[in-house]
Amino acid sequence: MPNCDIYYFSATGNSLAAARGLAHRLDGRALPLAASLRARRTAGPRSSENKSGRILGLVFPVYYASLGASGIPALVRRFLEGPEVAAADYVFAVCTHGGNPGSTLRNLRAALRARGKDLGASLDLEMSVPYGIVSKLSHALFNVPLPAIGVREGERERELLARLPERLDALAELIGKRIVHAEGDLAPLPGPLGSAFLALQSRAMIGRYRGLSGLETREVERLVEAADRGFRLSEACEGCGTCVRVCPVGNIELQEGKPTWRHACETCYACYQWCPRGAIGGPLVEFERRRHHPGIGLGDLLAQAAGSPTSERAGF
């Protein structure tokens, strides 16, 4: 499919795997979204190429859908304001998540409509199994250690990943037909009890991030950016700089041989996930487990940060 560019943002590799799979099926390019934003800042305002039939895809993880936020990462929201989206004739999207996409796709459609675009075919992809709410509460309230991933969770995650090719095939078919508002692409709005639970969860999460960031604001994006104050280094850190190179937004620098976070964080946790010594931890990631897509390696994430397009190794 000509003129198909798929912009992705990924930390564990799940969204990258989905973007590559779609690029393979649609004969398109998988392009790192964060690098495109950097290039836009460097080049300044520009007009987009006027190519008939241009298709643009967005593939990204769901962030803070239960925190009163949109579920759309901040850098993806910034990307929506640029010339790439303005030039697109058809926009599709995939959001990857660990069981709760919330209203992410609905919010993305609203953001696109504000720019005079519509969201075509879309898909939420559950691709990982996070710690359950009981385990998180037990850890937070009673300091019960978080369990290692169990056999059942491991099987569930393998099942989710095994379904990926089938689901990408179905989405690619919808994109080929230029489907708009694909059936079942939007999660239903929660009922009264669900809304009340989400409000309580949002309140608790806002409080947590205010503590992590040291800020008094309730503005989610500002809290998230400064929450990197919640990272800690162990003595295992050797100052190798992997965290600096893997950060998609350039938020980390080495000072006296040790990483320092600059408070413009996306909280994607790529630094935590890919540290070769497991030396990055702290309260910000105490409810996270180290994992990545089995088909994605460190080199792939470094290429994302460097801005290299990819269309090879797309066997997903």
Protein backbone atom coordinates (compact mmCIF):
# COMPACT_ATOMS: atom_id res chain seq x y z
CA MET A 1 0.00 0.00 0.00
CA PRO A 2 1.77 3.19 -1.18
CA ASN A 3 2.25 6.26 1.01
CA CYS A 4 1.64 4.42 4.28
CA ASP A 5 3.66 5.75 7.21
CA ILE A 6 3.14 4.24 10.65
CA TYR A 7 4.43 6.35 13.53
CA TYR A 8 5.09 4.43 16.73
CA PHE A 9 6.09 5.11 20.30
CA SER A 10 7.29 2.14 22.33
CA ALA A 11 9.17 1.35 25.54
CA THR A 12 8.71 -2.39 26.11
CA GLY A 13 8.60 -3.10 22.38
CA ASN A 14 4.91 -4.06 22.24
CA SER A 15 3.89 -1.06 20.16
CA LEU A 16 6.98 -1.44 17.97
CA ALA A 17 6.10 -5.07 17.29
CA ALA A 18 2.57 -4.04 16.26
CA ALA A 19 3.87 -1.20 14.07
CA ARG A 20 6.34 -3.47 12.30
CA GLY A 21 3.69 -6.09 11.72
CA LEU A 22 1.39 -3.53 10.13
CA ALA A 23 4.20 -2.01 8.06
CA HIS A 24 4.87 -5.49 6.65
CA ARG A 25 1.21 -6.09 5.84
CA LEU A 26 0.61 -2.65 4.34
CA ASP A 27 3.94 -2.30 2.53
CA GLY A 28 4.60 0.81 4.61
CA ARG A 29 7.25 2.25 6.90
CA ALA A 30 7.39 2.09 10.70
CA LEU A 31 8.78 5.44 11.87
CA PRO A 32 9.76 6.45 15.43
CA LEU A 33 7.36 9.17 16.49
CA ALA A 34 9.63 10.86 19.04
CA ALA A 35 12.40 11.29 16.46
CA SER A 36 9.91 12.83 14.05
CA LEU A 37 9.01 15.40 16.70
CA ARG A 38 12.70 16.23 17.20
CA ALA A 39 13.21 16.64 13.47
CA ARG A 40 10.18 18.94 13.35
CA ARG A 41 11.69 21.20 16.04
CA THR A 42 15.04 21.29 14.25
CA ALA A 43 13.59 22.01 10.81
CA GLY A 44 10.98 24.49 12.00
CA PRO A 45 7.61 24.97 10.33
CA ARG A 46 7.29 23.26 6.98
CA SER A 47 4.61 22.16 4.62
CA SER A 48 3.98 18.48 4.09
CA GLU A 49 4.38 16.65 0.83
CA ASN A 50 1.14 16.61 -1.11
CA LYS A 51 0.72 12.97 -2.05
CA SER A 52 -2.70 11.65 -2.98
CA GLY A 53 -3.97 8.73 -0.90
CA ARG A 54 -1.58 9.22 2.02
CA ILE A 55 -2.28 6.84 4.93
CA LEU A 56 -0.96 7.57 8.42
CA GLY A 57 -0.95 5.13 11.33
CA LEU A 58 -0.40 5.79 15.04
CA VAL A 59 0.73 2.99 17.35
CA PHE A 60 1.32 3.75 21.02
CA PRO A 61 0.77 2.46 24.57
CA VAL A 62 -2.10 3.62 26.77
CA TYR A 63 -0.93 5.96 29.54
CA TYR A 64 -2.86 7.15 32.60
CA ALA A 65 -6.30 6.29 31.26
CA SER A 66 -7.48 5.90 34.87
CA LEU A 67 -5.77 9.09 36.08
CA GLY A 68 -8.25 11.47 34.57
CA ALA A 69 -6.03 11.79 31.50
CA SER A 70 -6.78 10.91 27.89
CA GLY A 71 -4.76 7.69 27.79
CA ILE A 72 -2.73 9.23 24.95
CA PRO A 73 0.98 9.83 25.75
CA ALA A 74 1.95 13.50 25.79
CA LEU A 75 4.34 13.26 22.85
CA VAL A 76 1.62 11.57 20.75
CA ARG A 77 -0.72 14.48 21.54
CA ARG A 78 2.00 16.88 20.40
CA PHE A 79 2.49 14.88 17.21
CA LEU A 80 -1.20 15.27 16.37
CA GLU A 81 -0.63 19.02 15.94
CA GLY A 82 1.94 18.57 13.19
CA PRO A 83 2.03 18.53 9.40
CA GLU A 84 2.11 14.74 9.10
CA VAL A 85 -1.45 14.43 10.39
CA ALA A 86 -2.58 17.48 8.42
CA ALA A 87 -1.41 15.87 5.18
CA ALA A 88 -3.03 12.48 5.81
CA ASP A 89 -6.08 11.36 3.85
CA TYR A 90 -6.76 8.48 6.21
CA VAL A 91 -5.63 7.94 9.82
CA PHE A 92 -5.75 4.65 11.71
CA ALA A 93 -4.58 3.81 15.22
CA VAL A 94 -3.54 1.00 17.51
CA CYS A 95 -3.21 1.42 21.25
CA THR A 96 -1.45 -1.30 23.24
CA HIS A 97 -2.24 -1.84 26.91
CA GLY A 98 -2.21 -4.17 29.88
CA GLY A 99 -5.95 -4.69 30.19
CA ASN A 100 -7.44 -1.19 30.48
CA PRO A 101 -7.58 0.94 27.31
CA GLY A 102 -10.20 3.18 28.90
CA SER A 103 -11.48 5.83 26.48
CA THR A 104 -8.15 6.25 24.70
CA LEU A 105 -9.46 5.65 21.18
CA ARG A 106 -12.53 7.80 21.82
CA ASN A 107 -10.26 10.61 23.01
CA LEU A 108 -7.99 10.16 20.01
CA ARG A 109 -10.96 10.47 17.67
CA ALA A 110 -11.98 13.72 19.40
CA ALA A 111 -8.44 15.11 19.08
CA LEU A 112 -8.34 14.27 15.39
CA ARG A 113 -11.75 15.79 14.75
CA ALA A 114 -10.52 19.00 16.34
CA ARG A 115 -8.00 19.06 13.48
CA GLY A 116 -10.61 18.32 10.84
CA LYS A 117 -9.67 14.63 10.58
CA ASP A 118 -11.44 11.43 11.53
CA LEU A 119 -10.15 8.20 12.99
CA GLY A 120 -10.45 5.33 10.57
CA ALA A 121 -9.97 1.71 11.57
CA SER A 122 -8.64 1.34 15.10
CA LEU A 123 -7.72 -1.40 17.51
CA ASP A 124 -6.88 -1.74 21.19
CA LEU A 125 -4.38 -4.53 21.74
CA GLU A 126 -3.98 -6.13 25.14
CA MET A 127 -0.40 -7.36 25.09
CA SER A 128 0.79 -7.62 28.70
CA VAL A 129 -0.36 -8.71 32.13
CA PRO A 130 0.45 -6.17 34.88
CA TYR A 131 0.23 -6.75 38.62
CA GLY A 132 -3.37 -7.04 39.79
CA ILE A 133 -5.09 -4.39 41.90
CA VAL A 134 -5.09 -6.66 44.99
CA SER A 135 -1.32 -7.17 44.75
CA LYS A 136 -0.77 -3.42 44.32
CA LEU A 137 -2.99 -2.50 47.26
CA SER A 138 -1.38 -5.14 49.49
CA HIS A 139 2.03 -3.78 48.61
CA ALA A 140 1.03 -0.15 49.09
CA LEU A 141 -0.90 -0.60 52.34
CA PHE A 142 0.84 -3.51 54.04
CA ASN A 143 4.25 -3.67 52.31
CA VAL A 144 3.52 -7.17 50.98
CA PRO A 145 6.15 -7.97 48.32
CA LEU A 146 4.83 -7.99 44.78
CA PRO A 147 4.76 -11.55 43.43
CA ALA A 148 6.82 -12.82 40.56
CA ILE A 149 4.71 -13.39 37.47
CA GLY A 150 2.95 -16.71 37.89
CA VAL A 151 2.35 -19.58 35.49
CA ARG A 152 -1.21 -18.42 34.77
CA GLU A 153 -0.12 -14.86 34.01
CA GLY A 154 2.73 -16.10 31.84
CA GLU A 155 0.38 -18.29 29.85
CA ARG A 156 -2.06 -15.42 29.43
CA GLU A 157 0.69 -13.15 28.11
CA ARG A 158 1.88 -15.78 25.64
CA GLU A 159 -1.70 -16.24 24.47
CA LEU A 160 -2.08 -12.49 23.89
CA LEU A 161 1.13 -12.32 21.87
CA ALA A 162 0.17 -15.41 19.85
CA ARG A 163 -3.03 -13.67 18.74
CA LEU A 164 -1.14 -10.64 17.42
CA PRO A 165 -0.71 -11.79 13.79
CA GLU A 166 -4.41 -12.65 13.47
CA ARG A 167 -5.53 -9.30 14.86
CA LEU A 168 -3.09 -7.36 12.69
CA ASP A 169 -4.35 -9.24 9.62
CA ALA A 170 -7.92 -8.19 10.43
CA LEU A 171 -6.92 -4.57 11.01
CA ALA A 172 -4.90 -4.43 7.79
CA GLU A 173 -7.98 -5.60 5.89
CA LEU A 174 -10.07 -2.78 7.39
CA ILE A 175 -7.38 -0.24 6.54
CA GLY A 176 -7.29 -1.51 2.98
CA LYS A 177 -11.02 -0.81 2.72
CA ARG A 178 -10.60 2.65 4.31
CA ILE A 179 -13.06 1.76 7.05
CA VAL A 180 -14.07 4.63 9.33
CA HIS A 181 -15.40 3.88 12.83
CA ALA A 182 -14.79 0.14 12.68
CA GLU A 183 -17.34 -1.87 14.63
CA GLY A 184 -16.17 -2.48 18.18
CA ASP A 185 -13.23 -0.07 18.04
CA LEU A 186 -14.41 2.00 21.00
CA ALA A 187 -14.70 0.69 24.54
CA PRO A 188 -18.12 1.35 26.15
CA LEU A 189 -18.38 4.16 28.65
CA PRO A 190 -18.44 2.92 32.27
CA GLY A 191 -21.70 2.83 34.23
CA PRO A 192 -22.29 4.73 37.51
CA LEU A 193 -20.35 2.25 39.68
CA GLY A 194 -17.50 2.10 37.20
CA SER A 195 -17.35 5.88 37.01
CA ALA A 196 -17.26 6.14 40.81
CA PHE A 197 -14.41 3.61 41.00
CA LEU A 198 -12.46 5.45 38.29
CA ALA A 199 -12.93 8.73 40.17
CA LEU A 200 -11.51 7.19 43.37
CA GLN A 201 -8.65 5.62 41.45
CA SER A 202 -7.89 8.92 39.74
CA ARG A 203 -7.85 10.74 43.07
CA ALA A 204 -5.44 8.19 44.56
CA MET A 205 -3.15 8.32 41.53
CA ILE A 206 -3.10 12.12 41.49
CA GLY A 207 -2.04 12.06 45.14
CA ARG A 208 0.69 9.54 44.41
CA TYR A 209 2.13 11.54 41.53
CA ARG A 210 2.01 14.75 43.50
CA GLY A 211 4.15 13.01 46.08
CA LEU A 212 6.56 11.66 43.47
CA SER A 213 6.93 14.96 41.62
CA GLY A 214 6.96 17.28 44.64
CA LEU A 215 4.42 19.51 42.85
CA GLU A 216 1.09 20.75 44.18
CA THR A 217 -0.63 20.98 40.82
CA ARG A 218 -3.35 18.57 39.71
CA GLU A 219 -2.38 18.98 36.04
CA VAL A 220 -1.58 15.43 34.96
CA GLU A 221 1.02 16.24 32.30
CA ARG A 222 3.10 18.39 34.67
CA LEU A 223 2.94 15.71 37.37
CA VAL A 224 4.05 13.03 34.93
CA GLU A 225 6.95 15.09 33.59
CA ALA A 226 8.36 15.68 37.08
CA ALA A 227 7.61 12.20 38.44
CA ASP A 228 11.10 11.12 37.34
CA ARG A 229 12.16 12.38 40.77
CA GLY A 230 10.87 8.99 41.86
CA PHE A 231 13.68 7.07 40.11
CA ARG A 232 16.52 5.70 42.25
CA LEU A 233 19.89 4.22 41.34
CA SER A 234 21.45 1.22 43.02
CA GLU A 235 25.16 0.57 43.42
CA ALA A 236 24.94 -1.74 40.41
CA CYS A 237 24.94 1.29 38.08
CA GLU A 238 28.16 1.40 36.05
CA GLY A 239 27.37 4.58 34.13
CA CYS A 240 27.18 2.72 30.80
CA GLY A 241 24.77 5.30 29.35
CA THR A 242 22.23 2.80 28.01
CA CYS A 243 19.44 4.72 29.74
CA VAL A 244 20.58 7.94 28.07
CA ARG A 245 20.58 6.39 24.62
CA VAL A 246 17.31 4.50 24.98
CA CYS A 247 15.26 7.44 26.28
CA PRO A 248 13.02 8.47 23.36
CA VAL A 249 12.69 12.08 24.51
CA GLY A 250 16.26 12.85 25.62
CA ASN A 251 15.27 13.28 29.26
CA ILE A 252 18.40 11.65 30.76
CA GLU A 253 22.00 12.79 30.84
CA LEU A 254 25.12 11.49 32.54
CA GLN A 255 26.57 13.68 35.27
CA GLU A 256 29.78 12.48 36.89
CA GLY A 257 29.17 9.10 35.27
CA LYS A 258 25.66 8.62 36.62
CA PRO A 259 22.26 9.22 34.97
CA THR A 260 20.28 12.30 35.92
CA TRP A 261 16.66 12.83 34.93
CA ARG A 262 15.72 16.29 33.65
CA HIS A 263 12.01 16.40 34.58
CA ALA A 264 10.59 16.25 31.05
CA CYS A 265 9.72 12.58 31.42
CA GLU A 266 7.13 10.57 29.51
CA THR A 267 7.32 7.87 32.23
CA CYS A 268 7.61 5.27 29.49
CA TYR A 269 10.10 3.44 31.76
CA ALA A 270 12.39 2.49 28.87
CA CYS A 271 15.37 3.33 31.08
CA TYR A 272 14.06 1.01 33.80
CA GLN A 273 13.15 -1.78 31.39
CA TRP A 274 16.42 -1.84 29.44
CA CYS A 275 19.09 -1.07 32.06
CA PRO A 276 21.51 -3.99 31.56
CA ARG A 277 22.35 -4.07 35.29
CA GLY A 278 18.82 -3.62 36.62
CA ALA A 279 20.21 -0.63 38.52
CA ILE A 280 17.24 1.71 38.02
CA GLY A 281 14.36 1.45 40.47
CA GLY A 282 12.60 3.59 43.02
CA PRO A 283 9.04 4.43 44.04
CA LEU A 284 8.04 5.52 40.54
CA VAL A 285 8.39 1.97 39.22
CA GLU A 286 7.62 -0.02 42.36
CA PHE A 287 4.44 -1.39 40.75
CA GLU A 288 6.13 -2.23 37.45
CA ARG A 289 7.86 -5.40 36.40
CA ARG A 290 10.77 -5.60 34.00
CA ARG A 291 9.64 -7.08 30.72
CA HIS A 292 9.79 -6.53 26.99
CA HIS A 293 8.32 -8.05 23.85
CA PRO A 294 10.23 -11.27 23.08
CA GLY A 295 10.74 -10.22 19.46
CA ILE A 296 12.25 -6.83 20.30
CA GLY A 297 15.77 -6.20 21.53
CA LEU A 298 17.76 -3.32 22.96
CA GLY A 299 19.08 -2.44 19.51
CA ASP A 300 15.53 -1.85 18.31
CA LEU A 301 14.86 0.63 21.11
CA LEU A 302 18.18 2.39 20.48
CA ALA A 303 17.20 2.71 16.81
CA GLN A 304 13.88 4.24 17.89
CA ALA A 305 15.67 6.85 19.97
CA ALA A 306 18.12 7.53 17.12
CA GLY A 307 15.28 7.96 14.64
CA SER A 308 15.92 5.02 12.29
CA PRO A 309 12.92 3.87 10.21
CA THR A 310 12.22 0.16 10.05
CA SER A 311 10.39 -2.19 7.77
CA GLU A 312 12.49 -5.33 8.13
CA ARG A 313 12.17 -8.14 10.69
CA ALA A 314 8.42 -7.66 10.57
CA GLY A 315 7.39 -11.26 11.14
CA PHE A 316 4.63 -10.54 13.64
